[in-house]
Amino acid sequence: MRRRLCEDIGVDLEARGTAVIDHVDHVVSEGYGHTSVLADGFTSSDAILGGFMSKGTVVLGARDTAFSAAPGRAGAEAPALAGGHAALVTAIQARSGARIVISGSMDLFSNAFFSAKPVTSQKERQATSGPTNTPEHSAHGPFTSSPLTVFM
């Protein structure tokens, strides 16, 4: 049902069993391997999180070295989704003003991700795993009443 809803509103999801993978700029973490990607460009704009939001706005995107594939399987063909086109969190506003935020992973909102002090594959230590206000902004900021949030 969630996949169908996303299709109906124009959000293309990758096939089941795939993940966003980054062999160059991933976070060294136990249990996630190269699927614990670093994200760039959190959109903290009033235009998106405030009054009006354009259709299909990327709220949080992957880095240029990320791509979508099935973890653990060798890729025989080029990924359909790669680089900055990999949206980790997307927000959409209908003509009626109804808003929806779609996240590709529930792990993004976990305590483990918030408390992590990531070390990248390039041995760079990050202060935090991301903006500590990302989920609050993406899940609550765009809504003034009756939010509908879909997590995939």
N, C-alpha and C. Protein backbone atom coordinates (compact mmCIF):
# COMPACT_ATOMS: atom_id res chain seq x y z
N MET A 1 0.82 -1.19 0.00
CA MET A 1 0.00 0.00 0.00
C MET A 1 0.87 1.26 0.00
N ARG A 2 1.94 1.26 0.81
CA ARG A 2 2.80 2.45 0.86
C ARG A 2 3.49 2.69 -0.49
N ARG A 3 3.94 1.62 -1.13
CA ARG A 3 4.57 1.76 -2.44
C ARG A 3 3.58 2.32 -3.46
N ARG A 4 2.36 1.85 -3.40
CA ARG A 4 1.32 2.32 -4.33
C ARG A 4 1.05 3.80 -4.11
N LEU A 5 0.97 4.22 -2.85
CA LEU A 5 0.76 5.63 -2.53
C LEU A 5 1.90 6.47 -3.10
N CYS A 6 3.12 6.02 -2.92
CA CYS A 6 4.28 6.76 -3.46
C CYS A 6 4.20 6.85 -4.97
N GLU A 7 3.84 5.77 -5.63
CA GLU A 7 3.70 5.78 -7.09
C GLU A 7 2.62 6.77 -7.52
N ASP A 8 1.50 6.78 -6.80
CA ASP A 8 0.39 7.65 -7.14
C ASP A 8 0.75 9.13 -7.05
N ILE A 9 1.65 9.49 -6.13
CA ILE A 9 2.01 10.90 -5.98
C ILE A 9 3.29 11.26 -6.72
N GLY A 10 3.86 10.30 -7.45
CA GLY A 10 4.99 10.61 -8.32
C GLY A 10 6.36 10.41 -7.72
N VAL A 11 6.47 9.64 -6.63
CA VAL A 11 7.77 9.34 -6.05
C VAL A 11 8.17 7.94 -6.50
N ASP A 12 9.28 7.84 -7.23
CA ASP A 12 9.77 6.55 -7.70
C ASP A 12 10.65 5.91 -6.64
N LEU A 13 10.30 4.70 -6.24
CA LEU A 13 11.09 3.96 -5.27
C LEU A 13 11.88 2.88 -5.98
N GLU A 14 13.04 2.58 -5.47
CA GLU A 14 13.84 1.49 -6.01
C GLU A 14 13.18 0.16 -5.63
N ALA A 15 13.59 -0.91 -6.28
CA ALA A 15 13.02 -2.24 -6.04
C ALA A 15 13.26 -2.69 -4.60
N ARG A 16 12.38 -3.53 -4.11
CA ARG A 16 12.55 -4.10 -2.77
C ARG A 16 13.89 -4.82 -2.69
N GLY A 17 14.52 -4.74 -1.53
CA GLY A 17 15.79 -5.42 -1.34
C GLY A 17 17.00 -4.60 -1.74
N THR A 18 16.78 -3.41 -2.28
CA THR A 18 17.90 -2.55 -2.65
C THR A 18 18.13 -1.53 -1.54
N ALA A 19 19.30 -0.92 -1.55
CA ALA A 19 19.65 0.10 -0.57
C ALA A 19 20.56 1.12 -1.25
N VAL A 20 20.69 2.27 -0.64
CA VAL A 20 21.65 3.26 -1.13
C VAL A 20 23.00 2.85 -0.56
N ILE A 21 23.99 2.68 -1.43
CA ILE A 21 25.31 2.18 -1.06
C ILE A 21 26.35 3.21 -1.49
N ASP A 22 27.39 3.37 -0.66
CA ASP A 22 28.49 4.27 -1.01
C ASP A 22 29.79 3.61 -0.58
N HIS A 23 30.60 3.16 -1.54
CA HIS A 23 31.86 2.50 -1.23
C HIS A 23 32.97 3.50 -0.91
N VAL A 24 32.78 4.77 -1.25
CA VAL A 24 33.81 5.79 -1.04
C VAL A 24 33.58 6.55 0.26
N ASP A 25 32.40 7.10 0.45
CA ASP A 25 32.09 7.94 1.61
C ASP A 25 30.99 7.34 2.46
N HIS A 26 31.25 6.21 3.08
CA HIS A 26 30.27 5.62 3.98
C HIS A 26 30.74 5.81 5.42
N VAL A 27 29.84 5.63 6.35
CA VAL A 27 30.17 5.72 7.77
C VAL A 27 30.59 4.33 8.22
N VAL A 28 31.72 4.24 8.91
CA VAL A 28 32.18 2.96 9.43
C VAL A 28 31.32 2.64 10.64
N SER A 29 30.42 1.66 10.48
CA SER A 29 29.51 1.31 11.57
C SER A 29 29.25 -0.18 11.54
N GLU A 30 29.03 -0.72 12.72
CA GLU A 30 28.79 -2.15 12.83
C GLU A 30 27.38 -2.48 12.35
N GLY A 31 27.26 -3.45 11.49
CA GLY A 31 25.96 -3.92 11.04
C GLY A 31 25.42 -3.27 9.78
N TYR A 32 26.01 -2.16 9.34
CA TYR A 32 25.48 -1.48 8.16
C TYR A 32 26.40 -1.55 6.96
N GLY A 33 27.69 -1.69 7.16
CA GLY A 33 28.61 -1.74 6.04
C GLY A 33 28.56 -0.47 5.21
N HIS A 34 28.52 -0.63 3.92
CA HIS A 34 28.54 0.52 3.02
C HIS A 34 27.16 1.12 2.78
N THR A 35 26.13 0.61 3.48
CA THR A 35 24.79 1.18 3.34
C THR A 35 24.55 2.29 4.37
N SER A 36 25.50 2.55 5.23
CA SER A 36 25.41 3.68 6.16
C SER A 36 26.09 4.86 5.49
N VAL A 37 25.34 5.53 4.61
CA VAL A 37 25.91 6.57 3.75
C VAL A 37 25.90 7.93 4.42
N LEU A 38 26.82 8.77 4.00
CA LEU A 38 26.83 10.16 4.44
C LEU A 38 25.90 10.94 3.53
N ALA A 39 25.16 11.84 4.11
CA ALA A 39 24.21 12.64 3.33
C ALA A 39 24.69 14.08 3.30
N ASP A 40 24.39 14.74 2.22
CA ASP A 40 24.73 16.14 2.05
C ASP A 40 23.47 16.95 1.78
N GLY A 41 23.55 18.20 2.07
CA GLY A 41 22.53 19.13 1.61
C GLY A 41 21.19 19.02 2.30
N PHE A 42 21.16 18.87 3.64
CA PHE A 42 19.88 18.91 4.32
C PHE A 42 19.25 20.26 4.05
N THR A 43 18.04 20.25 3.56
CA THR A 43 17.35 21.48 3.20
C THR A 43 16.67 22.03 4.44
N SER A 44 17.20 23.10 4.96
CA SER A 44 16.63 23.73 6.14
C SER A 44 16.09 25.10 5.74
N SER A 45 15.18 25.09 4.80
CA SER A 45 14.68 26.32 4.21
C SER A 45 13.22 26.55 4.59
N ASP A 46 12.88 27.78 4.90
CA ASP A 46 11.48 28.10 5.19
C ASP A 46 10.59 27.87 3.98
N ALA A 47 11.17 27.98 2.79
CA ALA A 47 10.38 27.74 1.58
C ALA A 47 9.91 26.29 1.51
N ILE A 48 10.69 25.38 2.08
CA ILE A 48 10.31 23.97 2.07
C ILE A 48 9.66 23.56 3.37
N LEU A 49 10.23 23.96 4.48
CA LEU A 49 9.71 23.54 5.77
C LEU A 49 8.71 24.53 6.34
N GLY A 50 8.48 25.63 5.66
CA GLY A 50 7.57 26.64 6.14
C GLY A 50 6.27 26.68 5.37
N GLY A 51 5.99 27.81 4.72
CA GLY A 51 4.70 28.04 4.08
C GLY A 51 4.37 27.20 2.87
N PHE A 52 5.16 27.24 1.83
CA PHE A 52 4.84 26.51 0.60
C PHE A 52 5.99 25.59 0.24
N MET A 53 5.64 24.43 -0.30
CA MET A 53 6.65 23.45 -0.66
C MET A 53 6.37 22.97 -2.07
N SER A 54 7.37 23.02 -2.94
CA SER A 54 7.15 22.56 -4.30
C SER A 54 7.10 21.04 -4.36
N LYS A 55 6.56 20.52 -5.42
CA LYS A 55 6.37 19.07 -5.55
C LYS A 55 7.70 18.34 -5.69
N GLY A 56 7.88 17.29 -4.90
CA GLY A 56 9.04 16.43 -5.03
C GLY A 56 10.35 17.05 -4.61
N THR A 57 10.37 17.80 -3.55
CA THR A 57 11.58 18.46 -3.09
C THR A 57 12.43 17.49 -2.28
N VAL A 58 13.70 17.38 -2.61
CA VAL A 58 14.62 16.54 -1.86
C VAL A 58 14.98 17.26 -0.57
N VAL A 59 14.63 16.68 0.57
CA VAL A 59 14.94 17.27 1.86
C VAL A 59 16.33 16.83 2.32
N LEU A 60 16.68 15.57 2.05
CA LEU A 60 18.00 15.04 2.41
C LEU A 60 18.45 14.11 1.29
N GLY A 61 19.60 14.42 0.70
CA GLY A 61 20.10 13.63 -0.42
C GLY A 61 21.43 12.97 -0.11
N ALA A 62 21.76 11.92 -0.85
CA ALA A 62 23.02 11.21 -0.69
C ALA A 62 24.15 11.99 -1.37
N ARG A 63 25.37 11.59 -1.07
CA ARG A 63 26.54 12.20 -1.71
C ARG A 63 26.69 11.70 -3.13
N ASP A 64 27.55 12.35 -3.90
CA ASP A 64 27.73 12.02 -5.32
C ASP A 64 28.26 10.61 -5.57
N THR A 65 28.91 10.00 -4.58
CA THR A 65 29.49 8.67 -4.77
C THR A 65 28.52 7.54 -4.41
N ALA A 66 27.31 7.86 -3.98
CA ALA A 66 26.33 6.85 -3.59
C ALA A 66 25.53 6.35 -4.79
N PHE A 67 25.00 5.14 -4.67
CA PHE A 67 24.14 4.57 -5.72
C PHE A 67 23.20 3.57 -5.08
N SER A 68 22.19 3.16 -5.80
CA SER A 68 21.22 2.20 -5.30
C SER A 68 21.47 0.83 -5.91
N ALA A 69 21.52 -0.19 -5.05
CA ALA A 69 21.74 -1.57 -5.51
C ALA A 69 21.35 -2.52 -4.39
N ALA A 70 21.33 -3.79 -4.69
CA ALA A 70 21.06 -4.82 -3.68
C ALA A 70 22.37 -5.10 -2.94
N PRO A 71 22.42 -4.86 -1.62
CA PRO A 71 23.65 -5.09 -0.87
C PRO A 71 24.11 -6.55 -0.97
N GLY A 72 25.41 -6.75 -1.16
CA GLY A 72 25.96 -8.09 -1.19
C GLY A 72 25.93 -8.77 -2.55
N ARG A 73 25.27 -8.18 -3.52
CA ARG A 73 25.22 -8.77 -4.86
C ARG A 73 26.02 -7.91 -5.83
N ALA A 74 26.79 -8.56 -6.67
CA ALA A 74 27.57 -7.83 -7.68
C ALA A 74 26.62 -7.22 -8.70
N GLY A 75 26.87 -5.97 -9.04
CA GLY A 75 26.00 -5.27 -9.99
C GLY A 75 26.36 -5.59 -11.43
N ALA A 76 25.47 -6.29 -12.11
CA ALA A 76 25.71 -6.64 -13.51
C ALA A 76 25.36 -5.48 -14.44
N GLU A 77 24.51 -4.60 -13.97
CA GLU A 77 24.10 -3.46 -14.80
C GLU A 77 24.27 -2.17 -14.01
N ALA A 78 24.30 -1.08 -14.71
CA ALA A 78 24.46 0.22 -14.07
C ALA A 78 23.24 0.53 -13.21
N PRO A 79 23.46 1.14 -12.04
CA PRO A 79 22.32 1.47 -11.18
C PRO A 79 21.43 2.53 -11.81
N ALA A 80 20.13 2.40 -11.59
CA ALA A 80 19.18 3.37 -12.12
C ALA A 80 19.26 4.68 -11.34
N LEU A 81 19.71 4.60 -10.10
CA LEU A 81 19.75 5.75 -9.21
C LEU A 81 21.18 5.90 -8.70
N ALA A 82 21.79 7.06 -8.93
CA ALA A 82 23.17 7.25 -8.50
C ALA A 82 23.42 8.71 -8.15
N GLY A 83 24.40 8.90 -7.27
CA GLY A 83 24.87 10.23 -6.92
C GLY A 83 23.83 11.08 -6.20
N GLY A 84 23.89 12.36 -6.47
CA GLY A 84 23.01 13.32 -5.82
C GLY A 84 21.54 13.12 -6.14
N HIS A 85 21.23 12.22 -7.08
CA HIS A 85 19.84 11.95 -7.41
C HIS A 85 19.19 11.00 -6.42
N ALA A 86 19.98 10.42 -5.51
CA ALA A 86 19.44 9.50 -4.51
C ALA A 86 18.86 10.31 -3.35
N ALA A 87 17.56 10.47 -3.35
CA ALA A 87 16.88 11.21 -2.29
C ALA A 87 16.63 10.28 -1.12
N LEU A 88 17.14 10.63 0.05
CA LEU A 88 16.91 9.84 1.25
C LEU A 88 15.61 10.24 1.93
N VAL A 89 15.28 11.52 1.86
CA VAL A 89 14.01 12.04 2.38
C VAL A 89 13.47 13.02 1.34
N THR A 90 12.21 12.86 0.97
CA THR A 90 11.55 13.71 -0.03
C THR A 90 10.27 14.28 0.56
N ALA A 91 9.96 15.51 0.22
CA ALA A 91 8.72 16.15 0.67
C ALA A 91 7.91 16.60 -0.54
N ILE A 92 6.60 16.44 -0.44
CA ILE A 92 5.70 16.79 -1.54
C ILE A 92 4.52 17.57 -0.98
N GLN A 93 4.06 18.55 -1.74
CA GLN A 93 2.86 19.29 -1.38
C GLN A 93 1.88 19.23 -2.54
N ALA A 94 0.65 18.84 -2.25
CA ALA A 94 -0.40 18.79 -3.27
C ALA A 94 -0.98 20.18 -3.49
N ARG A 95 -1.73 20.34 -4.57
CA ARG A 95 -2.36 21.63 -4.84
C ARG A 95 -3.29 22.06 -3.71
N SER A 96 -3.86 21.09 -3.02
CA SER A 96 -4.76 21.39 -1.91
C SER A 96 -4.03 21.87 -0.67
N GLY A 97 -2.69 21.76 -0.67
CA GLY A 97 -1.90 22.15 0.49
C GLY A 97 -1.52 20.97 1.36
N ALA A 98 -2.08 19.78 1.08
CA ALA A 98 -1.72 18.58 1.84
C ALA A 98 -0.25 18.27 1.61
N ARG A 99 0.43 17.85 2.66
CA ARG A 99 1.86 17.57 2.56
C ARG A 99 2.17 16.14 2.99
N ILE A 100 3.22 15.59 2.40
CA ILE A 100 3.67 14.26 2.76
C ILE A 100 5.19 14.24 2.72
N VAL A 101 5.79 13.57 3.70
CA VAL A 101 7.24 13.39 3.76
C VAL A 101 7.50 11.90 3.65
N ILE A 102 8.39 11.52 2.73
CA ILE A 102 8.69 10.11 2.51
C ILE A 102 10.17 9.88 2.82
N SER A 103 10.42 8.94 3.72
CA SER A 103 11.79 8.58 4.09
C SER A 103 12.08 7.17 3.62
N GLY A 104 13.25 6.95 3.06
CA GLY A 104 13.62 5.64 2.58
C GLY A 104 14.04 4.68 3.67
N SER A 105 14.19 5.15 4.90
CA SER A 105 14.65 4.27 5.97
C SER A 105 14.13 4.74 7.32
N MET A 106 13.61 3.79 8.08
CA MET A 106 13.21 4.10 9.46
C MET A 106 14.43 4.31 10.34
N ASP A 107 15.57 3.69 9.97
CA ASP A 107 16.79 3.82 10.76
C ASP A 107 17.22 5.28 10.89
N LEU A 108 16.90 6.10 9.92
CA LEU A 108 17.25 7.51 9.97
C LEU A 108 16.73 8.17 11.24
N PHE A 109 15.62 7.68 11.76
CA PHE A 109 14.97 8.27 12.92
C PHE A 109 15.29 7.52 14.22
N SER A 110 16.25 6.59 14.19
CA SER A 110 16.56 5.78 15.37
C SER A 110 17.50 6.52 16.31
N ASN A 111 17.46 6.14 17.59
CA ASN A 111 18.36 6.71 18.59
C ASN A 111 19.81 6.41 18.25
N ALA A 112 20.07 5.23 17.69
CA ALA A 112 21.44 4.85 17.34
C ALA A 112 22.04 5.82 16.33
N PHE A 113 21.27 6.25 15.37
CA PHE A 113 21.78 7.19 14.37
C PHE A 113 21.99 8.58 14.97
N PHE A 114 21.11 8.98 15.89
CA PHE A 114 21.24 10.30 16.51
C PHE A 114 22.44 10.39 17.43
N SER A 115 22.73 9.31 18.15
CA SER A 115 23.82 9.34 19.12
C SER A 115 25.16 8.93 18.51
N ALA A 116 25.17 8.51 17.26
CA ALA A 116 26.41 8.04 16.61
C ALA A 116 27.40 9.18 16.43
N LYS A 117 28.66 8.85 16.60
CA LYS A 117 29.77 9.75 16.28
C LYS A 117 30.50 9.10 15.11
N PRO A 118 30.03 9.32 13.90
CA PRO A 118 30.52 8.55 12.75
C PRO A 118 31.97 8.84 12.38
N VAL A 119 32.63 7.78 11.93
CA VAL A 119 33.95 7.87 11.32
C VAL A 119 33.76 7.42 9.88
N THR A 120 34.11 8.26 8.94
CA THR A 120 33.90 7.93 7.53
C THR A 120 34.94 6.93 7.05
N SER A 121 34.70 6.36 5.90
CA SER A 121 35.65 5.43 5.31
C SER A 121 36.97 6.11 4.98
N GLN A 122 36.96 7.44 4.92
CA GLN A 122 38.17 8.22 4.67
C GLN A 122 38.86 8.60 5.98
N LYS A 123 38.42 7.99 7.09
CA LYS A 123 38.98 8.18 8.44
C LYS A 123 38.75 9.59 8.98
N GLU A 124 37.74 10.27 8.48
CA GLU A 124 37.38 11.58 9.00
C GLU A 124 36.35 11.38 10.10
N ARG A 125 36.56 12.04 11.23
CA ARG A 125 35.60 11.93 12.33
C ARG A 125 34.61 13.08 12.22
N GLN A 126 33.32 12.74 12.22
CA GLN A 126 32.25 13.73 12.14
C GLN A 126 31.78 14.05 13.57
N ALA A 127 31.39 15.28 13.81
CA ALA A 127 30.91 15.67 15.14
C ALA A 127 29.62 14.92 15.49
N THR A 128 28.71 14.84 14.55
CA THR A 128 27.46 14.11 14.76
C THR A 128 27.13 13.36 13.48
N SER A 129 26.11 12.53 13.55
CA SER A 129 25.73 11.77 12.36
C SER A 129 24.87 12.59 11.42
N GLY A 130 24.64 13.82 11.73
CA GLY A 130 23.85 14.70 10.86
C GLY A 130 23.22 15.78 11.69
N PRO A 131 22.46 16.65 11.07
CA PRO A 131 21.77 17.68 11.83
C PRO A 131 20.85 17.02 12.84
N THR A 132 20.99 17.36 14.11
CA THR A 132 20.18 16.70 15.13
C THR A 132 18.71 17.08 15.01
N ASN A 133 18.40 18.08 14.23
CA ASN A 133 17.00 18.48 14.08
C ASN A 133 16.38 17.98 12.78
N THR A 134 17.07 17.15 12.01
CA THR A 134 16.55 16.69 10.73
C THR A 134 15.18 16.03 10.85
N PRO A 135 15.00 15.00 11.68
CA PRO A 135 13.68 14.37 11.75
C PRO A 135 12.59 15.30 12.25
N GLU A 136 12.92 16.17 13.22
CA GLU A 136 11.91 17.10 13.70
C GLU A 136 11.45 18.01 12.58
N HIS A 137 12.41 18.52 11.80
CA HIS A 137 12.04 19.39 10.69
C HIS A 137 11.30 18.64 9.60
N SER A 138 11.79 17.46 9.25
CA SER A 138 11.16 16.75 8.14
C SER A 138 9.84 16.12 8.53
N ALA A 139 9.69 15.68 9.77
CA ALA A 139 8.45 15.02 10.17
C ALA A 139 7.41 15.99 10.71
N HIS A 140 7.85 17.09 11.33
CA HIS A 140 6.88 18.00 11.94
C HIS A 140 6.90 19.40 11.34
N GLY A 141 8.07 19.88 10.94
CA GLY A 141 8.20 21.23 10.42
C GLY A 141 7.28 21.57 9.27
N PRO A 142 7.10 20.69 8.28
CA PRO A 142 6.27 21.05 7.13
C PRO A 142 4.78 21.08 7.41
N PHE A 143 4.38 20.65 8.60
CA PHE A 143 2.95 20.48 8.84
C PHE A 143 2.43 21.47 9.87
N THR A 144 1.29 22.03 9.58
CA THR A 144 0.62 22.87 10.56
C THR A 144 -0.55 22.13 11.16
N SER A 145 -1.13 21.18 10.43
CA SER A 145 -2.19 20.32 10.96
C SER A 145 -2.28 19.06 10.12
N SER A 146 -2.73 17.99 10.74
CA SER A 146 -2.98 16.70 10.08
C SER A 146 -1.85 16.21 9.19
N PRO A 147 -0.67 15.95 9.77
CA PRO A 147 0.42 15.46 8.92
C PRO A 147 0.19 14.03 8.46
N LEU A 148 0.69 13.72 7.28
CA LEU A 148 0.72 12.35 6.77
C LEU A 148 2.16 12.07 6.41
N THR A 149 2.80 11.19 7.16
CA THR A 149 4.18 10.85 6.91
C THR A 149 4.27 9.38 6.58
N VAL A 150 4.94 9.05 5.50
CA VAL A 150 5.10 7.66 5.08
C VAL A 150 6.57 7.30 5.19
N PHE A 151 6.87 6.23 5.90
CA PHE A 151 8.24 5.74 6.01
C PHE A 151 8.32 4.42 5.26
N MET A 152 9.30 4.29 4.39
CA MET A 152 9.45 3.06 3.60
C MET A 152 10.57 2.22 4.16
